[in-house]
Structure formats: C-alpha cells, structure tokens
C-alpha cells in the first residue's frame, strides 16, 4: 500500500458520516445563487462603466469622478473588493 492510499484510507476512516442529500442540494443552491448575484453585479458594473466612460472630463468632474480613477470608482460603487 502506498503512502497516498494509506492517507486516503485514514481520512475516510476518520471522517464523519455523509451528509444527507438535502444538505448537498442546499449547498449547491447557495453556490449557484452566489454565482448569479456575482454575475449580475459584474454586469451592472460593466454597464455603469460604459455609460460613464462616454462622458466628457467636465461631466465626470461635475459628478465627482475622474477618468484616471473611473474603473476604481465603479468597482467601489458596485461593492467589489480591490483583490477580485
């Protein structure tokens, strides 16, 4: 028996019983919902950026924005982390 097989057997022996199917389904549902929300937020950010990037520098300034930081400002408005 290889080390990998032995570790795998020990992991299985020490693990909890399998969760009911309903827990698994609920977990998948929550992940899909989070994915859909994320996609919706990203789409909204793209639309906002496209609309704002078409404005002149003067119009952006009147709104408290600058072209240099427009992408960052849109990300902040859509509540995205800088790392994402």
PDB file of N, CA and C in Angstrom:
ATOM      1  N   UNK A   1       0.853  -1.173   0.000  1.00  0.00           N
ATOM      2  CA  UNK A   1       0.000   0.000   0.000  1.00  0.00           C
ATOM      3  C   UNK A   1       0.899   1.236   0.000  1.00  0.00           C
ATOM      4  N   UNK A   2       0.615   2.190  -0.871  1.00  0.00           N
ATOM      5  CA  UNK A   2       1.419   3.404  -0.951  1.00  0.00           C
ATOM      6  C   UNK A   2       1.014   4.375   0.152  1.00  0.00           C
ATOM      7  N   UNK A   3       1.850   5.364   0.368  1.00  0.00           N
ATOM      8  CA  UNK A   3       1.547   6.387   1.372  1.00  0.00           C
ATOM      9  C   UNK A   3       0.238   7.095   1.041  1.00  0.00           C
ATOM     10  N   UNK A   4       0.030   7.353  -0.248  1.00  0.00           N
ATOM     11  CA  UNK A   4      -1.194   8.034  -0.681  1.00  0.00           C
ATOM     12  C   UNK A   4      -2.422   7.211  -0.316  1.00  0.00           C
ATOM     13  N   UNK A   5      -2.381   5.911  -0.589  1.00  0.00           N
ATOM     14  CA  UNK A   5      -3.508   5.035  -0.258  1.00  0.00           C
ATOM     15  C   UNK A   5      -3.744   4.986   1.248  1.00  0.00           C
ATOM     16  N   UNK A   6      -2.665   4.936   2.005  1.00  0.00           N
ATOM     17  CA  UNK A   6      -2.788   4.870   3.457  1.00  0.00           C
ATOM     18  C   UNK A   6      -3.407   6.160   3.997  1.00  0.00           C
ATOM     19  N   UNK A   7      -2.957   7.308   3.503  1.00  0.00           N
ATOM     20  CA  UNK A   7      -3.530   8.588   3.939  1.00  0.00           C
ATOM     21  C   UNK A   7      -4.998   8.684   3.566  1.00  0.00           C
ATOM     22  N   UNK A   8      -5.335   8.208   2.367  1.00  0.00           N
ATOM     23  CA  UNK A   8      -6.721   8.236   1.911  1.00  0.00           C
ATOM     24  C   UNK A   8      -7.595   7.357   2.800  1.00  0.00           C
ATOM     25  N   UNK A   9      -7.116   6.159   3.130  1.00  0.00           N
ATOM     26  CA  UNK A   9      -7.883   5.254   3.988  1.00  0.00           C
ATOM     27  C   UNK A   9      -8.063   5.836   5.385  1.00  0.00           C
ATOM     28  N   UNK A  10      -7.027   6.489   5.915  1.00  0.00           N
ATOM     29  CA  UNK A  10      -7.136   7.107   7.233  1.00  0.00           C
ATOM     30  C   UNK A  10      -8.114   8.273   7.207  1.00  0.00           C
ATOM     31  N   UNK A  11      -8.108   9.028   6.141  1.00  0.00           N
ATOM     32  CA  UNK A  11      -9.025  10.163   6.028  1.00  0.00           C
ATOM     33  C   UNK A  11     -10.465   9.688   5.984  1.00  0.00           C
ATOM     34  N   UNK A  12     -10.712   8.608   5.264  1.00  0.00           N
ATOM     35  CA  UNK A  12     -12.069   8.067   5.164  1.00  0.00           C
ATOM     36  C   UNK A  12     -12.506   7.489   6.509  1.00  0.00           C
ATOM     37  N   UNK A  13     -11.612   6.781   7.174  1.00  0.00           N
ATOM     38  CA  UNK A  13     -11.952   6.151   8.444  1.00  0.00           C
ATOM     39  C   UNK A  13     -12.277   7.188   9.504  1.00  0.00           C
ATOM     40  N   UNK A  14     -11.615   8.348   9.482  1.00  0.00           N
ATOM     41  CA  UNK A  14     -11.835   9.366  10.490  1.00  0.00           C
ATOM     42  C   UNK A  14     -12.893  10.383  10.136  1.00  0.00           C
ATOM     43  N   UNK A  15     -13.479  10.264   8.973  1.00  0.00           N
ATOM     44  CA  UNK A  15     -14.437  11.278   8.542  1.00  0.00           C
ATOM     45  C   UNK A  15     -15.815  11.024   9.133  1.00  0.00           C
ATOM     46  N   UNK A  16     -16.612  12.074   9.133  1.00  0.00           N
ATOM     47  CA  UNK A  16     -17.989  11.995   9.610  1.00  0.00           C
ATOM     48  C   UNK A  16     -18.837  11.255   8.581  1.00  0.00           C
ATOM     49  N   UNK A  17     -19.978  10.738   8.996  1.00  0.00           N
ATOM     50  CA  UNK A  17     -20.879  10.117   8.036  1.00  0.00           C
ATOM     51  C   UNK A  17     -21.303  11.131   6.974  1.00  0.00           C
ATOM     52  N   UNK A  18     -21.630  10.632   5.814  1.00  0.00           N
ATOM     53  CA  UNK A  18     -22.016  11.502   4.706  1.00  0.00           C
ATOM     54  C   UNK A  18     -23.246  12.322   5.083  1.00  0.00           C
ATOM     55  N   UNK A  19     -23.230  13.581   4.689  1.00  0.00           N
ATOM     56  CA  UNK A  19     -24.364  14.468   4.954  1.00  0.00           C
ATOM     57  C   UNK A  19     -25.546  14.032   4.092  1.00  0.00           C
ATOM     58  N   UNK A  20     -26.736  14.291   4.571  1.00  0.00           N
ATOM     59  CA  UNK A  20     -27.906  13.927   3.772  1.00  0.00           C
ATOM     60  C   UNK A  20     -27.915  14.656   2.426  1.00  0.00           C
ATOM     61  N   UNK A  21     -28.591  14.064   1.498  1.00  0.00           N
ATOM     62  CA  UNK A  21     -28.688  14.631   0.151  1.00  0.00           C
ATOM     63  C   UNK A  21     -29.260  16.036   0.182  1.00  0.00           C
ATOM     64  N   UNK A  22     -30.184  16.302   1.076  1.00  0.00           N
ATOM     65  CA  UNK A  22     -30.786  17.634   1.135  1.00  0.00           C
ATOM     66  C   UNK A  22     -29.755  18.700   1.503  1.00  0.00           C
ATOM     67  N   UNK A  23     -28.781  18.358   2.348  1.00  0.00           N
ATOM     68  CA  UNK A  23     -27.720  19.319   2.682  1.00  0.00           C
ATOM     69  C   UNK A  23     -26.864  19.610   1.462  1.00  0.00           C
ATOM     70  N   UNK A  24     -26.568  18.583   0.694  1.00  0.00           N
ATOM     71  CA  UNK A  24     -25.769  18.754  -0.514  1.00  0.00           C
ATOM     72  C   UNK A  24     -26.506  19.622  -1.524  1.00  0.00           C
ATOM     73  N   UNK A  25     -27.781  19.357  -1.712  1.00  0.00           N
ATOM     74  CA  UNK A  25     -28.584  20.135  -2.657  1.00  0.00           C
ATOM     75  C   UNK A  25     -28.666  21.586  -2.205  1.00  0.00           C
ATOM     76  N   UNK A  26     -28.858  21.811  -0.913  1.00  0.00           N
ATOM     77  CA  UNK A  26     -28.936  23.170  -0.386  1.00  0.00           C
ATOM     78  C   UNK A  26     -27.608  23.902  -0.590  1.00  0.00           C
ATOM     79  N   UNK A  27     -26.504  23.213  -0.416  1.00  0.00           N
ATOM     80  CA  UNK A  27     -25.195  23.807  -0.631  1.00  0.00           C
ATOM     81  C   UNK A  27     -25.014  24.221  -2.093  1.00  0.00           C
ATOM     82  N   UNK A  28     -25.404  23.366  -3.004  1.00  0.00           N
ATOM     83  CA  UNK A  28     -25.307  23.680  -4.436  1.00  0.00           C
ATOM     84  C   UNK A  28     -26.202  24.872  -4.777  1.00  0.00           C
ATOM     85  N   UNK A  29     -27.398  24.898  -4.197  1.00  0.00           N
ATOM     86  CA  UNK A  29     -28.328  26.013  -4.445  1.00  0.00           C
ATOM     87  C   UNK A  29     -27.715  27.329  -3.982  1.00  0.00           C
ATOM     88  N   UNK A  30     -27.098  27.327  -2.809  1.00  0.00           N
ATOM     89  CA  UNK A  30     -26.485  28.545  -2.281  1.00  0.00           C
ATOM     90  C   UNK A  30     -25.309  28.996  -3.142  1.00  0.00           C
ATOM     91  N   UNK A  31     -24.524  28.052  -3.641  1.00  0.00           N
ATOM     92  CA  UNK A  31     -23.396  28.396  -4.509  1.00  0.00           C
ATOM     93  C   UNK A  31     -23.877  28.976  -5.838  1.00  0.00           C
ATOM     94  N   UNK A  32     -24.920  28.394  -6.394  1.00  0.00           N
ATOM     95  CA  UNK A  32     -25.471  28.912  -7.651  1.00  0.00           C
ATOM     96  C   UNK A  32     -26.060  30.307  -7.459  1.00  0.00           C
ATOM     97  N   UNK A  33     -26.730  30.518  -6.350  1.00  0.00           N
ATOM     98  CA  UNK A  33     -27.291  31.834  -6.063  1.00  0.00           C
ATOM     99  C   UNK A  33     -26.181  32.871  -5.934  1.00  0.00           C
ATOM    100  N   UNK A  34     -25.118  32.539  -5.219  1.00  0.00           N
ATOM    101  CA  UNK A  34     -23.985  33.456  -5.069  1.00  0.00           C
ATOM    102  C   UNK A  34     -23.353  33.759  -6.426  1.00  0.00           C
ATOM    103  N   UNK A  35     -23.258  32.764  -7.274  1.00  0.00           N
ATOM    104  CA  UNK A  35     -22.692  32.959  -8.610  1.00  0.00           C
ATOM    105  C   UNK A  35     -23.569  33.891  -9.442  1.00  0.00           C
ATOM    106  N   UNK A  36     -24.880  33.691  -9.381  1.00  0.00           N
ATOM    107  CA  UNK A  36     -25.790  34.552 -10.142  1.00  0.00           C
ATOM    108  C   UNK A  36     -25.737  35.990  -9.644  1.00  0.00           C
ATOM    109  N   UNK A  37     -25.664  36.187  -8.340  1.00  0.00           N
ATOM    110  CA  UNK A  37     -25.568  37.538  -7.788  1.00  0.00           C
ATOM    111  C   UNK A  37     -24.272  38.202  -8.243  1.00  0.00           C
ATOM    112  N   UNK A  38     -23.183  37.449  -8.203  1.00  0.00           N
ATOM    113  CA  UNK A  38     -21.898  37.976  -8.631  1.00  0.00           C
ATOM    114  C   UNK A  38     -21.930  38.368 -10.109  1.00  0.00           C
ATOM    115  N   UNK A  39     -22.499  37.517 -10.947  1.00  0.00           N
ATOM    116  CA  UNK A  39     -22.594  37.824 -12.376  1.00  0.00           C
ATOM    117  C   UNK A  39     -23.447  39.062 -12.619  1.00  0.00           C
ATOM    118  N   UNK A  40     -24.543  39.188 -11.891  1.00  0.00           N
ATOM    119  CA  UNK A  40     -25.416  40.346 -12.023  1.00  0.00           C
ATOM    120  C   UNK A  40     -24.674  41.620 -11.620  1.00  0.00           C
ATOM    121  N   UNK A  41     -23.925  41.565 -10.517  1.00  0.00           N
ATOM    122  CA  UNK A  41     -23.159  42.738 -10.071  1.00  0.00           C
ATOM    123  C   UNK A  41     -22.087  43.123 -11.080  1.00  0.00           C
ATOM    124  N   UNK A  42     -21.399  42.143 -11.647  1.00  0.00           N
ATOM    125  CA  UNK A  42     -20.376  42.435 -12.650  1.00  0.00           C
ATOM    126  C   UNK A  42     -21.001  43.046 -13.902  1.00  0.00           C
ATOM    127  N   UNK A  43     -22.142  42.541 -14.321  1.00  0.00           N
ATOM    128  CA  UNK A  43     -22.814  43.096 -15.490  1.00  0.00           C
ATOM    129  C   UNK A  43     -23.217  44.551 -15.229  1.00  0.00           C
ATOM    130  N   UNK A  44     -23.734  44.823 -14.038  1.00  0.00           N
ATOM    131  CA  UNK A  44     -24.122  46.190 -13.685  1.00  0.00           C
ATOM    132  C   UNK A  44     -22.902  47.115 -13.701  1.00  0.00           C
ATOM    133  N   UNK A  45     -21.763  46.619 -13.229  1.00  0.00           N
ATOM    134  CA  UNK A  45     -20.542  47.421 -13.229  1.00  0.00           C
ATOM    135  C   UNK A  45     -20.089  47.731 -14.659  1.00  0.00           C
ATOM    136  N   UNK A  46     -20.198  46.753 -15.542  1.00  0.00           N
ATOM    137  CA  UNK A  46     -19.810  46.970 -16.941  1.00  0.00           C
ATOM    138  C   UNK A  46     -20.699  48.029 -17.579  1.00  0.00           C
ATOM    139  N   UNK A  47     -22.001  47.922 -17.354  1.00  0.00           N
ATOM    140  CA  UNK A  47     -22.938  48.895 -17.927  1.00  0.00           C
ATOM    141  C   UNK A  47     -22.649  50.287 -17.380  1.00  0.00           C
ATOM    142  N   UNK A  48     -22.424  50.387 -16.056  1.00  0.00           N
ATOM    143  CA  UNK A  48     -22.138  51.684 -15.445  1.00  0.00           C
ATOM    144  C   UNK A  48     -20.860  52.280 -16.016  1.00  0.00           C
ATOM    145  N   UNK A  49     -19.823  51.458 -16.140  1.00  0.00           N
ATOM    146  CA  UNK A  49     -18.551  51.952 -16.669  1.00  0.00           C
ATOM    147  C   UNK A  49     -18.706  52.429 -18.111  1.00  0.00           C
ATOM    148  N   UNK A  50     -19.417  51.660 -18.933  1.00  0.00           N
ATOM    149  CA  UNK A  50     -19.606  52.057 -20.331  1.00  0.00           C
ATOM    150  C   UNK A  50     -20.346  53.383 -20.436  1.00  0.00           C
ATOM    151  N   UNK A  51     -21.355  53.588 -19.602  1.00  0.00           N
ATOM    152  CA  UNK A  51     -22.103  54.839 -19.639  1.00  0.00           C
ATOM    153  C   UNK A  51     -21.238  56.013 -19.180  1.00  0.00           C
ATOM    154  N   UNK A  52     -20.510  55.819 -18.089  1.00  0.00           N
ATOM    155  CA  UNK A  52     -19.705  56.909 -17.544  1.00  0.00           C
ATOM    156  C   UNK A  52     -18.486  57.213 -18.412  1.00  0.00           C
ATOM    157  N   UNK A  53     -17.909  56.203 -19.030  1.00  0.00           N
ATOM    158  CA  UNK A  53     -16.711  56.447 -19.839  1.00  0.00           C
ATOM    159  C   UNK A  53     -17.022  57.259 -21.093  1.00  0.00           C
ATOM    160  N   UNK A  54     -18.288  57.307 -21.474  1.00  0.00           N
ATOM    161  CA  UNK A  54     -18.679  58.109 -22.631  1.00  0.00           C
ATOM    162  C   UNK A  54     -18.846  59.580 -22.314  1.00  0.00           C
ATOM    163  N   UNK A  55     -18.816  59.939 -21.045  1.00  0.00           N
ATOM    164  CA  UNK A  55     -18.971  61.334 -20.652  1.00  0.00           C
ATOM    165  C   UNK A  55     -17.662  62.090 -20.835  1.00  0.00           C
ATOM    166  N   UNK A  56     -17.768  63.393 -20.975  1.00  0.00           N
ATOM    167  CA  UNK A  56     -16.560  64.222 -21.080  1.00  0.00           C
ATOM    168  C   UNK A  56     -15.915  64.343 -19.707  1.00  0.00           C
ATOM    169  N   UNK A  57     -14.669  64.831 -19.705  1.00  0.00           N
ATOM    170  CA  UNK A  57     -13.966  65.019 -18.438  1.00  0.00           C
ATOM    171  C   UNK A  57     -14.703  66.024 -17.550  1.00  0.00           C
ATOM    172  N   UNK A  58     -15.268  67.052 -18.152  1.00  0.00           N
ATOM    173  CA  UNK A  58     -16.006  68.061 -17.385  1.00  0.00           C
ATOM    174  C   UNK A  58     -17.246  67.444 -16.735  1.00  0.00           C
ATOM    175  N   UNK A  59     -17.959  66.606 -17.478  1.00  0.00           N
ATOM    176  CA  UNK A  59     -19.148  65.953 -16.923  1.00  0.00           C
ATOM    177  C   UNK A  59     -18.774  64.994 -15.798  1.00  0.00           C
ATOM    178  N   UNK A  60     -17.666  64.279 -15.959  1.00  0.00           N
ATOM    179  CA  UNK A  60     -17.200  63.383 -14.897  1.00  0.00           C
ATOM    180  C   UNK A  60     -16.830  64.183 -13.644  1.00  0.00           C
ATOM    181  N   UNK A  61     -16.152  65.318 -13.840  1.00  0.00           N
ATOM    182  CA  UNK A  61     -15.749  66.161 -12.718  1.00  0.00           C
ATOM    183  C   UNK A  61     -16.964  66.669 -11.961  1.00  0.00           C
ATOM    184  N   UNK A  62     -18.014  67.051 -12.676  1.00  0.00           N
ATOM    185  CA  UNK A  62     -19.245  67.515 -12.023  1.00  0.00           C
ATOM    186  C   UNK A  62     -19.863  66.421 -11.154  1.00  0.00           C
ATOM    187  N   UNK A  63     -19.624  65.180 -11.517  1.00  0.00           N
ATOM    188  CA  UNK A  63     -20.146  64.044 -10.739  1.00  0.00           C
ATOM    189  C   UNK A  63     -19.161  63.576  -9.668  1.00  0.00           C
ATOM    190  N   UNK A  64     -18.052  64.273  -9.541  1.00  0.00           N
ATOM    191  CA  UNK A  64     -17.063  63.903  -8.533  1.00  0.00           C
ATOM    192  C   UNK A  64     -16.181  62.742  -8.951  1.00  0.00           C
ATOM    193  N   UNK A  65     -16.044  62.532 -10.250  1.00  0.00           N
ATOM    194  CA  UNK A  65     -15.249  61.425 -10.788  1.00  0.00           C
ATOM    195  C   UNK A  65     -14.134  61.966 -11.665  1.00  0.00           C
ATOM    196  N   UNK A  66     -13.126  61.150 -11.878  1.00  0.00           N
ATOM    197  CA  UNK A  66     -12.088  61.497 -12.846  1.00  0.00           C
ATOM    198  C   UNK A  66     -11.862  60.299 -13.749  1.00  0.00           C
ATOM    199  N   UNK A  67     -11.437  60.559 -14.947  1.00  0.00           N
ATOM    200  CA  UNK A  67     -11.206  59.481 -15.899  1.00  0.00           C
ATOM    201  C   UNK A  67     -10.096  58.540 -15.401  1.00  0.00           C
ATOM    202  N   UNK A  68      -9.120  59.091 -14.691  1.00  0.00           N
ATOM    203  CA  UNK A  68      -7.989  58.295 -14.211  1.00  0.00           C
ATOM    204  C   UNK A  68      -8.418  57.238 -13.197  1.00  0.00           C
ATOM    205  N   UNK A  69      -9.460  57.524 -12.429  1.00  0.00           N
ATOM    206  CA  UNK A  69      -9.885  56.591 -11.388  1.00  0.00           C
ATOM    207  C   UNK A  69     -11.280  56.026 -11.645  1.00  0.00           C
ATOM    208  N   UNK A  70     -11.775  56.169 -12.849  1.00  0.00           N
ATOM    209  CA  UNK A  70     -13.147  55.767 -13.152  1.00  0.00           C
ATOM    210  C   UNK A  70     -13.397  54.285 -12.885  1.00  0.00           C
ATOM    211  N   UNK A  71     -12.511  53.432 -13.360  1.00  0.00           N
ATOM    212  CA  UNK A  71     -12.704  51.982 -13.157  1.00  0.00           C
ATOM    213  C   UNK A  71     -12.710  51.650 -11.667  1.00  0.00           C
ATOM    214  N   UNK A  72     -11.788  52.245 -10.922  1.00  0.00           N
ATOM    215  CA  UNK A  72     -11.733  52.013  -9.475  1.00  0.00           C
ATOM    216  C   UNK A  72     -13.016  52.500  -8.802  1.00  0.00           C
ATOM    217  N   UNK A  73     -13.492  53.674  -9.194  1.00  0.00           N
ATOM    218  CA  UNK A  73     -14.708  54.233  -8.599  1.00  0.00           C
ATOM    219  C   UNK A  73     -15.933  53.376  -8.902  1.00  0.00           C
ATOM    220  N   UNK A  74     -16.012  52.831 -10.105  1.00  0.00           N
ATOM    221  CA  UNK A  74     -17.135  51.958 -10.452  1.00  0.00           C
ATOM    222  C   UNK A  74     -17.074  50.681  -9.635  1.00  0.00           C
ATOM    223  N   UNK A  75     -15.887  50.117  -9.496  1.00  0.00           N
ATOM    224  CA  UNK A  75     -15.741  48.909  -8.666  1.00  0.00           C
ATOM    225  C   UNK A  75     -16.178  49.184  -7.238  1.00  0.00           C
ATOM    226  N   UNK A  76     -15.796  50.336  -6.699  1.00  0.00           N
ATOM    227  CA  UNK A  76     -16.170  50.690  -5.331  1.00  0.00           C
ATOM    228  C   UNK A  76     -17.681  50.876  -5.223  1.00  0.00           C
ATOM    229  N   UNK A  77     -18.290  51.485  -6.223  1.00  0.00           N
ATOM    230  CA  UNK A  77     -19.731  51.713  -6.207  1.00  0.00           C
ATOM    231  C   UNK A  77     -20.504  50.402  -6.274  1.00  0.00           C
ATOM    232  N   UNK A  78     -19.937  49.413  -6.936  1.00  0.00           N
ATOM    233  CA  UNK A  78     -20.596  48.098  -7.049  1.00  0.00           C
ATOM    234  C   UNK A  78     -20.168  47.175  -5.924  1.00  0.00           C
ATOM    235  N   UNK A  79     -19.422  47.715  -4.955  1.00  0.00           N
ATOM    236  CA  UNK A  79     -19.053  46.982  -3.747  1.00  0.00           C
ATOM    237  C   UNK A  79     -18.167  45.769  -4.027  1.00  0.00           C
ATOM    238  N   UNK A  80     -17.178  45.932  -4.904  1.00  0.00           N
ATOM    239  CA  UNK A  80     -16.222  44.876  -5.181  1.00  0.00           C
ATOM    240  C   UNK A  80     -14.967  45.125  -4.361  1.00  0.00           C
ATOM    241  N   UNK A  81     -14.312  44.058  -3.941  1.00  0.00           N
ATOM    242  CA  UNK A  81     -13.016  44.181  -3.288  1.00  0.00           C
ATOM    243  C   UNK A  81     -11.973  44.502  -4.334  1.00  0.00           C
ATOM    244  N   UNK A  82     -10.932  45.174  -3.935  1.00  0.00           N
ATOM    245  CA  UNK A  82      -9.849  45.513  -4.879  1.00  0.00           C
ATOM    246  C   UNK A  82      -9.148  44.259  -5.379  1.00  0.00           C
ATOM    247  N   UNK A  83      -9.187  43.165  -4.597  1.00  0.00           N
ATOM    248  CA  UNK A  83      -8.481  41.941  -4.991  1.00  0.00           C
ATOM    249  C   UNK A  83      -9.253  41.102  -5.988  1.00  0.00           C
ATOM    250  N   UNK A  84     -10.550  41.321  -6.126  1.00  0.00           N
ATOM    251  CA  UNK A  84     -11.346  40.446  -7.003  1.00  0.00           C
ATOM    252  C   UNK A  84     -11.164  40.757  -8.462  1.00  0.00           C
TER     253      UNK A  84
END
